Structures are given as C-alpha cells and as structure tokens.
Amino acid sequence: MNKNTGIIIESDGKKVVIIDVIRFQSRRGIDWKQIEEYLQKYIGKSFVITEASEKIYIGSDFPDEFSHSKDTKELKGGNIKAKANIISVIDKLIQNATNKKEFPDYNNKHGSKAQYGWYQYETYFGIPVYDGKGTLERYNIFGAKMLVRRDKSRKLYLYDFVRIKKETSKPHEQ
C-alpha cells in the first residue's frame, strides 16, 4: 500500500515498521472521520502475518472501530498522534505482528462478531522526530496490540489496534 515505509530489526530481534510520511503533525484536532474514510480502502483486502502464516481480512467494521473505539477516545498526547499515523502502514503492521495470544469476549460484549474467539498480537512501529531545521534526529518507537476476531466462518478479521504506547527504551537513532 505504501512505499514510504521500511522495516528495521532492533537488537532484540523486534521488527519495527518505520513510517516516513507523517500525515498528522499535531496531537490535537485529528479528524477521525477523515481517517475512517481513508481506512475504507482496506475493506475486502487481506494480509498474511509472516510469523504465524495466518491470513487476516479487513472487514467493514474495522474503519469505524479503529476511529471511534473506547481505546481511541482514551488516547492522549503522542499516542493519539501515533495511532492516527499508522493508517498508511496497516498492511505492514499485520505482516510483522508477533506473539499471538487468545483471550475471551469479556461480558459477551461482541457476541456473534467473534463467535470463535479473539486474538491479540504485538506489533511495533517508528515515527520520525525532526529537529528545528527539518533534519531527522531519531525515530520514536511505539508498541501496539493488534486485535483480531474469528467469526463464524472461522476467518480472522482485523478489529483494532489498541494500547498504543511509546516504548520507553532508547529511541532508534538515524
């Protein structure tokens, strides 16, 4: 989808999707309706998680959930800017997801949407930080949990990216 991205491998072996083009510069005033519209182009596509060889489909519920979920509404500061800017690398984030974990549908909140379970994967991405002259200084690395649901046809569907958080370890230097 986006040729302005790359993958770096950290010293601990973690794969990080690098976002080179920042669409949303500010932490304030992010137009989530615009993001939802942008994400519509992913509907009907699928991408394979390299580590697990699992095909993840993008369903029609993904753009709305990504843009308007409780988790999105609770994000603050740089984490909200980070979530807004991953929209152009959804495919790469899926492909590089790791550490699959199964978890229940708490309080049967989603009912038939995930009749056969919920899965959570870890994924990482980097956002560039520039100095006052526009020179790249480093990348801030973020982690996210990728939520995937298994429907009644047993297909895996991307649901949301949650718990986006800046990694506290040393940022990746240019």
N, C-alpha and C. Protein backbone atom coordinates (compact mmCIF):
# COMPACT_ATOMS: atom_id res chain seq x y z
N MET A 1 0.81 -1.19 0.00
CA MET A 1 0.00 0.00 0.00
C MET A 1 0.86 1.26 0.00
N ASN A 2 1.92 1.26 0.82
CA ASN A 2 2.71 2.47 0.98
C ASN A 2 4.18 2.16 0.76
N LYS A 3 4.77 2.79 -0.20
CA LYS A 3 6.17 2.54 -0.49
C LYS A 3 7.10 3.39 0.38
N ASN A 4 6.54 4.30 1.18
CA ASN A 4 7.32 5.17 2.04
C ASN A 4 7.54 4.56 3.42
N THR A 5 7.67 3.26 3.49
CA THR A 5 7.90 2.60 4.76
C THR A 5 9.00 1.58 4.59
N GLY A 6 9.58 1.24 5.71
CA GLY A 6 10.58 0.20 5.74
C GLY A 6 10.45 -0.55 7.05
N ILE A 7 11.25 -1.58 7.18
CA ILE A 7 11.26 -2.38 8.39
C ILE A 7 12.69 -2.35 8.94
N ILE A 8 12.81 -2.09 10.22
CA ILE A 8 14.11 -2.23 10.85
C ILE A 8 14.01 -3.35 11.88
N ILE A 9 15.11 -3.96 12.16
CA ILE A 9 15.14 -5.01 13.17
C ILE A 9 16.00 -4.50 14.31
N GLU A 10 15.40 -4.38 15.48
CA GLU A 10 16.09 -3.90 16.68
C GLU A 10 17.09 -4.96 17.15
N SER A 11 17.97 -4.59 18.05
CA SER A 11 18.99 -5.51 18.55
C SER A 11 18.37 -6.72 19.25
N ASP A 12 17.15 -6.58 19.78
CA ASP A 12 16.48 -7.71 20.44
C ASP A 12 15.69 -8.57 19.45
N GLY A 13 15.79 -8.27 18.15
CA GLY A 13 15.11 -9.04 17.12
C GLY A 13 13.72 -8.55 16.78
N LYS A 14 13.25 -7.53 17.47
CA LYS A 14 11.91 -6.99 17.24
C LYS A 14 11.89 -6.25 15.91
N LYS A 15 10.87 -6.56 15.08
CA LYS A 15 10.68 -5.87 13.81
C LYS A 15 9.83 -4.63 14.03
N VAL A 16 10.33 -3.51 13.49
CA VAL A 16 9.65 -2.22 13.66
C VAL A 16 9.34 -1.65 12.28
N VAL A 17 8.07 -1.36 12.04
CA VAL A 17 7.64 -0.73 10.79
C VAL A 17 7.94 0.76 10.91
N ILE A 18 8.72 1.29 9.99
CA ILE A 18 9.08 2.70 10.02
C ILE A 18 8.12 3.49 9.13
N ILE A 19 7.53 4.51 9.71
CA ILE A 19 6.63 5.41 8.99
C ILE A 19 7.43 6.64 8.62
N ASP A 20 7.62 6.87 7.33
CA ASP A 20 8.42 8.01 6.89
C ASP A 20 7.60 9.26 6.62
N VAL A 21 6.34 9.09 6.29
CA VAL A 21 5.50 10.24 5.98
C VAL A 21 4.47 10.41 7.09
N ILE A 22 4.55 11.54 7.76
CA ILE A 22 3.63 11.84 8.85
C ILE A 22 2.47 12.66 8.29
N ARG A 23 1.28 12.08 8.31
CA ARG A 23 0.09 12.75 7.79
C ARG A 23 -0.51 13.72 8.80
N PHE A 24 -0.38 13.37 10.08
CA PHE A 24 -0.98 14.16 11.15
C PHE A 24 0.13 14.65 12.07
N GLN A 25 0.46 15.93 11.93
CA GLN A 25 1.57 16.52 12.67
C GLN A 25 1.20 16.85 14.11
N SER A 26 -0.04 17.20 14.33
CA SER A 26 -0.48 17.67 15.64
C SER A 26 -1.15 16.56 16.43
N ARG A 27 -1.12 16.72 17.73
CA ARG A 27 -1.83 15.80 18.62
C ARG A 27 -3.28 16.22 18.78
N ARG A 28 -3.54 17.43 18.40
CA ARG A 28 -4.90 17.99 18.57
C ARG A 28 -5.58 18.10 17.21
N GLY A 29 -6.86 18.04 17.25
CA GLY A 29 -7.63 18.29 16.04
C GLY A 29 -7.52 17.21 14.98
N ILE A 30 -7.26 15.98 15.38
CA ILE A 30 -7.20 14.89 14.40
C ILE A 30 -8.62 14.61 13.92
N ASP A 31 -8.79 14.58 12.62
CA ASP A 31 -10.10 14.36 12.01
C ASP A 31 -10.32 12.85 11.84
N TRP A 32 -10.94 12.24 12.84
CA TRP A 32 -11.13 10.79 12.83
C TRP A 32 -12.12 10.36 11.75
N LYS A 33 -12.99 11.24 11.33
CA LYS A 33 -13.89 10.91 10.21
C LYS A 33 -13.07 10.75 8.93
N GLN A 34 -12.08 11.62 8.74
CA GLN A 34 -11.19 11.53 7.59
C GLN A 34 -10.38 10.22 7.65
N ILE A 35 -9.94 9.85 8.82
CA ILE A 35 -9.20 8.59 8.99
C ILE A 35 -10.10 7.41 8.66
N GLU A 36 -11.33 7.45 9.16
CA GLU A 36 -12.28 6.37 8.87
C GLU A 36 -12.49 6.23 7.36
N GLU A 37 -12.63 7.34 6.67
CA GLU A 37 -12.81 7.31 5.21
C GLU A 37 -11.57 6.73 4.52
N TYR A 38 -10.38 7.11 4.97
CA TYR A 38 -9.14 6.58 4.40
C TYR A 38 -9.07 5.06 4.57
N LEU A 39 -9.46 4.57 5.74
CA LEU A 39 -9.37 3.14 6.03
C LEU A 39 -10.36 2.30 5.21
N GLN A 40 -11.36 2.93 4.62
CA GLN A 40 -12.33 2.21 3.79
C GLN A 40 -11.63 1.47 2.65
N LYS A 41 -10.51 2.00 2.18
CA LYS A 41 -9.82 1.36 1.04
C LYS A 41 -9.25 -0.01 1.38
N TYR A 42 -9.12 -0.31 2.67
CA TYR A 42 -8.61 -1.62 3.08
C TYR A 42 -9.68 -2.70 3.09
N ILE A 43 -10.95 -2.31 3.16
CA ILE A 43 -12.04 -3.29 3.28
C ILE A 43 -11.99 -4.28 2.12
N GLY A 44 -12.08 -5.56 2.47
CA GLY A 44 -12.06 -6.63 1.48
C GLY A 44 -10.67 -7.15 1.18
N LYS A 45 -9.64 -6.49 1.65
CA LYS A 45 -8.28 -6.95 1.42
C LYS A 45 -7.87 -7.89 2.54
N SER A 46 -6.80 -8.62 2.29
CA SER A 46 -6.26 -9.49 3.32
C SER A 46 -4.74 -9.43 3.27
N PHE A 47 -4.12 -9.68 4.42
CA PHE A 47 -2.67 -9.67 4.55
C PHE A 47 -2.28 -10.85 5.44
N VAL A 48 -1.11 -11.39 5.22
CA VAL A 48 -0.67 -12.57 5.95
C VAL A 48 0.34 -12.17 7.02
N ILE A 49 0.10 -12.66 8.24
CA ILE A 49 1.08 -12.49 9.31
C ILE A 49 2.24 -13.43 9.00
N THR A 50 3.40 -12.89 8.79
CA THR A 50 4.56 -13.69 8.39
C THR A 50 4.88 -14.77 9.41
N GLU A 51 4.97 -14.40 10.67
CA GLU A 51 5.35 -15.34 11.73
C GLU A 51 4.39 -16.51 11.86
N ALA A 52 3.09 -16.25 11.77
CA ALA A 52 2.08 -17.28 12.01
C ALA A 52 1.48 -17.86 10.74
N SER A 53 1.80 -17.29 9.58
CA SER A 53 1.21 -17.71 8.30
C SER A 53 -0.32 -17.69 8.36
N GLU A 54 -0.87 -16.68 9.01
CA GLU A 54 -2.32 -16.54 9.13
C GLU A 54 -2.79 -15.37 8.27
N LYS A 55 -3.86 -15.61 7.53
CA LYS A 55 -4.43 -14.56 6.69
C LYS A 55 -5.41 -13.75 7.53
N ILE A 56 -5.21 -12.44 7.53
CA ILE A 56 -6.07 -11.52 8.27
C ILE A 56 -6.84 -10.68 7.26
N TYR A 57 -8.15 -10.74 7.36
CA TYR A 57 -9.02 -9.99 6.46
C TYR A 57 -9.38 -8.65 7.10
N ILE A 58 -9.71 -7.69 6.25
CA ILE A 58 -10.18 -6.40 6.72
C ILE A 58 -11.68 -6.33 6.42
N GLY A 59 -12.48 -6.30 7.48
CA GLY A 59 -13.93 -6.25 7.32
C GLY A 59 -14.45 -4.82 7.38
N SER A 60 -15.72 -4.70 7.11
CA SER A 60 -16.34 -3.37 7.06
C SER A 60 -16.43 -2.70 8.42
N ASP A 61 -16.27 -3.44 9.51
CA ASP A 61 -16.34 -2.84 10.84
C ASP A 61 -15.02 -2.21 11.28
N PHE A 62 -13.92 -2.54 10.60
CA PHE A 62 -12.61 -2.05 11.03
C PHE A 62 -12.47 -0.52 11.03
N PRO A 63 -12.80 0.19 9.94
CA PRO A 63 -12.60 1.64 9.95
C PRO A 63 -13.32 2.36 11.10
N ASP A 64 -14.55 1.97 11.38
CA ASP A 64 -15.31 2.60 12.45
C ASP A 64 -14.70 2.27 13.81
N GLU A 65 -14.38 1.03 14.03
CA GLU A 65 -13.81 0.62 15.32
C GLU A 65 -12.47 1.31 15.57
N PHE A 66 -11.61 1.34 14.56
CA PHE A 66 -10.30 1.98 14.67
C PHE A 66 -10.46 3.46 15.05
N SER A 67 -11.39 4.13 14.41
CA SER A 67 -11.56 5.58 14.57
C SER A 67 -12.36 6.00 15.79
N HIS A 68 -13.26 5.15 16.26
CA HIS A 68 -14.19 5.59 17.29
C HIS A 68 -14.26 4.66 18.51
N SER A 69 -13.32 3.77 18.66
CA SER A 69 -13.37 2.84 19.78
C SER A 69 -13.12 3.55 21.11
N LYS A 70 -13.48 2.89 22.17
CA LYS A 70 -13.23 3.42 23.51
C LYS A 70 -11.73 3.67 23.70
N ASP A 71 -10.93 2.74 23.22
CA ASP A 71 -9.47 2.88 23.34
C ASP A 71 -8.98 4.14 22.62
N THR A 72 -9.49 4.39 21.42
CA THR A 72 -9.09 5.58 20.66
C THR A 72 -9.47 6.85 21.42
N LYS A 73 -10.65 6.88 21.96
CA LYS A 73 -11.13 8.05 22.69
C LYS A 73 -10.32 8.33 23.95
N GLU A 74 -9.72 7.29 24.52
CA GLU A 74 -8.95 7.46 25.76
C GLU A 74 -7.48 7.78 25.52
N LEU A 75 -7.01 7.71 24.27
CA LEU A 75 -5.61 8.00 23.99
C LEU A 75 -5.30 9.47 24.23
N LYS A 76 -4.07 9.72 24.66
CA LYS A 76 -3.64 11.09 24.95
C LYS A 76 -2.28 11.36 24.30
N GLY A 77 -1.98 12.64 24.13
CA GLY A 77 -0.64 13.07 23.72
C GLY A 77 -0.13 12.43 22.45
N GLY A 78 1.14 12.05 22.50
CA GLY A 78 1.80 11.47 21.34
C GLY A 78 1.21 10.14 20.91
N ASN A 79 0.55 9.43 21.83
CA ASN A 79 -0.03 8.13 21.48
C ASN A 79 -1.20 8.28 20.51
N ILE A 80 -1.97 9.35 20.64
CA ILE A 80 -3.09 9.57 19.71
C ILE A 80 -2.56 9.94 18.32
N LYS A 81 -1.52 10.75 18.29
CA LYS A 81 -0.87 11.11 17.01
C LYS A 81 -0.29 9.85 16.37
N ALA A 82 0.28 8.98 17.19
CA ALA A 82 0.86 7.74 16.67
C ALA A 82 -0.21 6.87 16.04
N LYS A 83 -1.36 6.71 16.72
CA LYS A 83 -2.42 5.87 16.16
C LYS A 83 -2.91 6.46 14.84
N ALA A 84 -3.12 7.75 14.79
CA ALA A 84 -3.60 8.38 13.56
C ALA A 84 -2.63 8.14 12.40
N ASN A 85 -1.35 8.11 12.67
CA ASN A 85 -0.35 7.99 11.60
C ASN A 85 -0.06 6.57 11.14
N ILE A 86 -0.63 5.57 11.80
CA ILE A 86 -0.38 4.20 11.33
C ILE A 86 -1.30 3.79 10.19
N ILE A 87 -2.23 4.65 9.82
CA ILE A 87 -3.23 4.25 8.82
C ILE A 87 -2.61 3.86 7.48
N SER A 88 -1.47 4.41 7.15
CA SER A 88 -0.86 4.09 5.85
C SER A 88 0.00 2.83 5.88
N VAL A 89 0.16 2.23 7.06
CA VAL A 89 1.01 1.04 7.16
C VAL A 89 0.29 -0.15 7.80
N ILE A 90 -1.03 -0.16 7.70
CA ILE A 90 -1.81 -1.25 8.28
C ILE A 90 -1.31 -2.60 7.76
N ASP A 91 -1.05 -2.69 6.46
CA ASP A 91 -0.59 -3.95 5.87
C ASP A 91 0.72 -4.42 6.49
N LYS A 92 1.66 -3.51 6.68
CA LYS A 92 2.97 -3.87 7.27
C LYS A 92 2.84 -4.25 8.74
N LEU A 93 1.96 -3.56 9.47
CA LEU A 93 1.76 -3.89 10.87
C LEU A 93 1.20 -5.30 11.02
N ILE A 94 0.28 -5.66 10.14
CA ILE A 94 -0.27 -7.02 10.17
C ILE A 94 0.82 -8.02 9.83
N GLN A 95 1.55 -7.79 8.76
CA GLN A 95 2.58 -8.73 8.32
C GLN A 95 3.64 -8.98 9.39
N ASN A 96 3.94 -7.98 10.20
CA ASN A 96 5.00 -8.10 11.19
C ASN A 96 4.50 -8.37 12.61
N ALA A 97 3.22 -8.69 12.77
CA ALA A 97 2.67 -8.99 14.09
C ALA A 97 3.26 -10.28 14.64
N THR A 98 3.42 -10.31 15.96
CA THR A 98 4.02 -11.47 16.63
C THR A 98 3.27 -11.78 17.92
N ASN A 99 3.68 -12.87 18.56
CA ASN A 99 3.22 -13.23 19.92
C ASN A 99 1.70 -13.32 20.05
N LYS A 100 1.11 -14.18 19.27
CA LYS A 100 -0.34 -14.38 19.30
C LYS A 100 -0.78 -14.91 20.66
N LYS A 101 -1.85 -14.28 21.19
CA LYS A 101 -2.47 -14.72 22.44
C LYS A 101 -3.97 -14.74 22.26
N GLU A 102 -4.61 -15.77 22.80
CA GLU A 102 -6.07 -15.86 22.73
C GLU A 102 -6.64 -15.24 23.99
N PHE A 103 -7.80 -14.58 23.87
CA PHE A 103 -8.46 -14.04 25.04
C PHE A 103 -9.96 -14.07 24.84
N PRO A 104 -10.71 -14.06 25.93
CA PRO A 104 -12.17 -14.20 25.84
C PRO A 104 -12.88 -12.91 25.43
N ASP A 105 -14.13 -13.07 25.06
CA ASP A 105 -15.00 -11.94 24.78
C ASP A 105 -15.63 -11.55 26.11
N TYR A 106 -14.99 -10.63 26.82
CA TYR A 106 -15.45 -10.25 28.15
C TYR A 106 -16.90 -9.76 28.13
N ASN A 107 -17.69 -10.30 29.03
CA ASN A 107 -19.11 -9.95 29.17
C ASN A 107 -19.90 -10.19 27.88
N ASN A 108 -19.41 -11.05 27.02
CA ASN A 108 -20.05 -11.35 25.73
C ASN A 108 -20.40 -10.06 25.00
N LYS A 109 -19.51 -9.09 25.09
CA LYS A 109 -19.73 -7.76 24.53
C LYS A 109 -19.94 -7.77 23.02
N HIS A 110 -19.24 -8.64 22.32
CA HIS A 110 -19.28 -8.63 20.86
C HIS A 110 -20.10 -9.76 20.25
N GLY A 111 -20.59 -10.66 21.06
CA GLY A 111 -21.50 -11.71 20.61
C GLY A 111 -21.05 -12.45 19.37
N SER A 112 -21.89 -12.42 18.34
CA SER A 112 -21.65 -13.22 17.15
C SER A 112 -20.50 -12.70 16.27
N LYS A 113 -20.02 -11.48 16.51
CA LYS A 113 -18.91 -10.96 15.71
C LYS A 113 -17.65 -11.82 15.85
N ALA A 114 -17.50 -12.41 17.03
CA ALA A 114 -16.30 -13.21 17.29
C ALA A 114 -16.70 -14.52 17.94
N GLN A 115 -17.57 -15.25 17.28
CA GLN A 115 -18.09 -16.49 17.84
C GLN A 115 -16.99 -17.47 18.20
N TYR A 116 -15.89 -17.44 17.49
CA TYR A 116 -14.84 -18.42 17.71
C TYR A 116 -13.58 -17.82 18.32
N GLY A 117 -13.72 -16.66 18.97
CA GLY A 117 -12.61 -16.15 19.76
C GLY A 117 -11.99 -14.85 19.30
N TRP A 118 -11.16 -14.35 20.19
CA TRP A 118 -10.40 -13.12 19.99
C TRP A 118 -8.93 -13.44 20.13
N TYR A 119 -8.13 -12.76 19.34
CA TYR A 119 -6.68 -12.93 19.40
C TYR A 119 -6.03 -11.57 19.49
N GLN A 120 -4.90 -11.56 20.13
CA GLN A 120 -4.14 -10.32 20.29
C GLN A 120 -2.71 -10.62 19.86
N TYR A 121 -2.16 -9.72 19.09
CA TYR A 121 -0.79 -9.83 18.61
C TYR A 121 -0.06 -8.55 19.00
N GLU A 122 1.25 -8.61 19.06
CA GLU A 122 2.07 -7.42 19.29
C GLU A 122 2.60 -6.94 17.96
N THR A 123 2.67 -5.64 17.80
CA THR A 123 3.26 -5.06 16.60
C THR A 123 3.91 -3.74 16.99
N TYR A 124 4.92 -3.33 16.23
CA TYR A 124 5.71 -2.15 16.58
C TYR A 124 5.91 -1.26 15.37
N PHE A 125 6.00 0.04 15.63
CA PHE A 125 6.23 0.99 14.55
C PHE A 125 7.04 2.17 15.07
N GLY A 126 7.69 2.86 14.14
CA GLY A 126 8.50 4.02 14.48
C GLY A 126 8.03 5.25 13.75
N ILE A 127 8.01 6.37 14.46
CA ILE A 127 7.62 7.65 13.88
C ILE A 127 8.83 8.59 13.95
N PRO A 128 9.15 9.25 12.85
CA PRO A 128 10.34 10.12 12.85
C PRO A 128 10.18 11.36 13.71
N VAL A 129 11.30 11.78 14.27
CA VAL A 129 11.37 13.03 15.04
C VAL A 129 12.41 13.90 14.35
N TYR A 130 12.01 15.12 14.00
CA TYR A 130 12.88 16.04 13.28
C TYR A 130 13.31 17.19 14.19
N ASP A 131 14.49 17.73 13.93
CA ASP A 131 14.93 18.90 14.67
C ASP A 131 14.31 20.16 14.04
N GLY A 132 14.63 21.32 14.57
CA GLY A 132 14.06 22.58 14.10
C GLY A 132 14.37 22.90 12.65
N LYS A 133 15.41 22.29 12.09
CA LYS A 133 15.80 22.53 10.69
C LYS A 133 15.20 21.50 9.73
N GLY A 134 14.43 20.57 10.29
CA GLY A 134 13.82 19.55 9.43
C GLY A 134 14.70 18.34 9.19
N THR A 135 15.78 18.22 9.95
CA THR A 135 16.67 17.07 9.82
C THR A 135 16.20 15.96 10.75
N LEU A 136 16.17 14.75 10.23
CA LEU A 136 15.75 13.61 11.03
C LEU A 136 16.73 13.37 12.16
N GLU A 137 16.22 13.34 13.39
CA GLU A 137 17.04 13.08 14.57
C GLU A 137 17.01 11.62 14.98
N ARG A 138 15.80 11.07 15.02
CA ARG A 138 15.63 9.70 15.51
C ARG A 138 14.20 9.25 15.19
N TYR A 139 13.90 8.03 15.59
CA TYR A 139 12.53 7.51 15.49
C TYR A 139 12.06 7.18 16.89
N ASN A 140 10.86 7.64 17.23
CA ASN A 140 10.21 7.18 18.46
C ASN A 140 9.52 5.87 18.13
N ILE A 141 9.79 4.86 18.94
CA ILE A 141 9.25 3.53 18.71
C ILE A 141 8.02 3.34 19.60
N PHE A 142 6.96 2.81 18.99
CA PHE A 142 5.71 2.55 19.69
C PHE A 142 5.36 1.08 19.57
N GLY A 143 4.71 0.57 20.59
CA GLY A 143 4.15 -0.77 20.55
C GLY A 143 2.64 -0.67 20.51
N ALA A 144 2.00 -1.67 19.94
CA ALA A 144 0.54 -1.71 19.89
C ALA A 144 0.09 -3.16 19.97
N LYS A 145 -1.11 -3.33 20.44
CA LYS A 145 -1.76 -4.64 20.43
C LYS A 145 -2.72 -4.64 19.24
N MET A 146 -2.59 -5.63 18.41
CA MET A 146 -3.47 -5.78 17.25
C MET A 146 -4.55 -6.78 17.64
N LEU A 147 -5.81 -6.34 17.61
CA LEU A 147 -6.93 -7.21 17.96
C LEU A 147 -7.53 -7.82 16.71
N VAL A 148 -7.74 -9.12 16.78
CA VAL A 148 -8.27 -9.88 15.65
C VAL A 148 -9.41 -10.75 16.17
N ARG A 149 -10.48 -10.81 15.42
CA ARG A 149 -11.61 -11.65 15.79
C ARG A 149 -11.76 -12.80 14.80
N ARG A 150 -12.25 -13.94 15.30
CA ARG A 150 -12.53 -15.09 14.43
C ARG A 150 -14.05 -15.21 14.36
N ASP A 151 -14.59 -15.09 13.15
CA ASP A 151 -16.04 -15.12 13.00
C ASP A 151 -16.57 -16.54 12.83
N LYS A 152 -17.86 -16.64 12.60
CA LYS A 152 -18.49 -17.97 12.50
C LYS A 152 -17.98 -18.78 11.31
N SER A 153 -17.45 -18.11 10.29
CA SER A 153 -16.86 -18.84 9.16
C SER A 153 -15.40 -19.21 9.45
N ARG A 154 -14.94 -18.85 10.66
CA ARG A 154 -13.59 -19.13 11.16
C ARG A 154 -12.50 -18.31 10.47
N LYS A 155 -12.89 -17.25 9.78
CA LYS A 155 -11.91 -16.33 9.20
C LYS A 155 -11.47 -15.35 10.27
N LEU A 156 -10.24 -14.88 10.14
CA LEU A 156 -9.67 -13.90 11.06
C LEU A 156 -9.84 -12.51 10.47
N TYR A 157 -10.41 -11.59 11.27
CA TYR A 157 -10.65 -10.22 10.83
C TYR A 157 -9.96 -9.24 11.77
N LEU A 158 -9.26 -8.27 11.19
CA LEU A 158 -8.66 -7.20 11.96
C LEU A 158 -9.77 -6.38 12.60
N TYR A 159 -9.64 -6.11 13.90
CA TYR A 159 -10.66 -5.36 14.61
C TYR A 159 -10.19 -3.97 15.02
N ASP A 160 -8.98 -3.89 15.58
CA ASP A 160 -8.48 -2.59 16.03
C ASP A 160 -7.01 -2.73 16.43
N PHE A 161 -6.37 -1.59 16.61
CA PHE A 161 -5.05 -1.50 17.23
C PHE A 161 -5.25 -0.74 18.52
N VAL A 162 -4.90 -1.35 19.64
CA VAL A 162 -5.15 -0.74 20.94
C VAL A 162 -3.87 -0.70 21.77
N ARG A 163 -3.97 -0.05 22.90
CA ARG A 163 -2.85 0.09 23.84
C ARG A 163 -1.58 0.59 23.16
N ILE A 164 -1.75 1.57 22.31
CA ILE A 164 -0.59 2.16 21.64
C ILE A 164 0.19 2.94 22.68
N LYS A 165 1.46 2.63 22.75
CA LYS A 165 2.28 3.22 23.80
C LYS A 165 3.71 3.37 23.31
N LYS A 166 4.29 4.52 23.60
CA LYS A 166 5.69 4.75 23.24
C LYS A 166 6.57 3.84 24.08
N GLU A 167 7.52 3.20 23.40
CA GLU A 167 8.47 2.35 24.09
C GLU A 167 9.39 3.24 24.91
N THR A 168 9.68 2.83 26.11
CA THR A 168 10.49 3.65 27.00
C THR A 168 11.99 3.39 26.83
N SER A 169 12.34 2.39 26.06
CA SER A 169 13.75 2.15 25.82
C SER A 169 14.32 3.24 24.94
N LYS A 170 15.59 3.22 24.70
CA LYS A 170 16.26 4.24 23.89
C LYS A 170 15.65 4.30 22.49
N PRO A 171 15.30 5.50 21.98
CA PRO A 171 14.75 5.63 20.63
C PRO A 171 15.76 5.17 19.59
N HIS A 172 15.26 4.70 18.46
CA HIS A 172 16.14 4.27 17.38
C HIS A 172 16.75 5.49 16.70
N GLU A 173 18.07 5.53 16.67
CA GLU A 173 18.79 6.66 16.05
C GLU A 173 18.86 6.47 14.55
N GLN A 174 18.89 7.57 13.84
CA GLN A 174 19.00 7.56 12.36
C GLN A 174 20.36 7.02 11.96
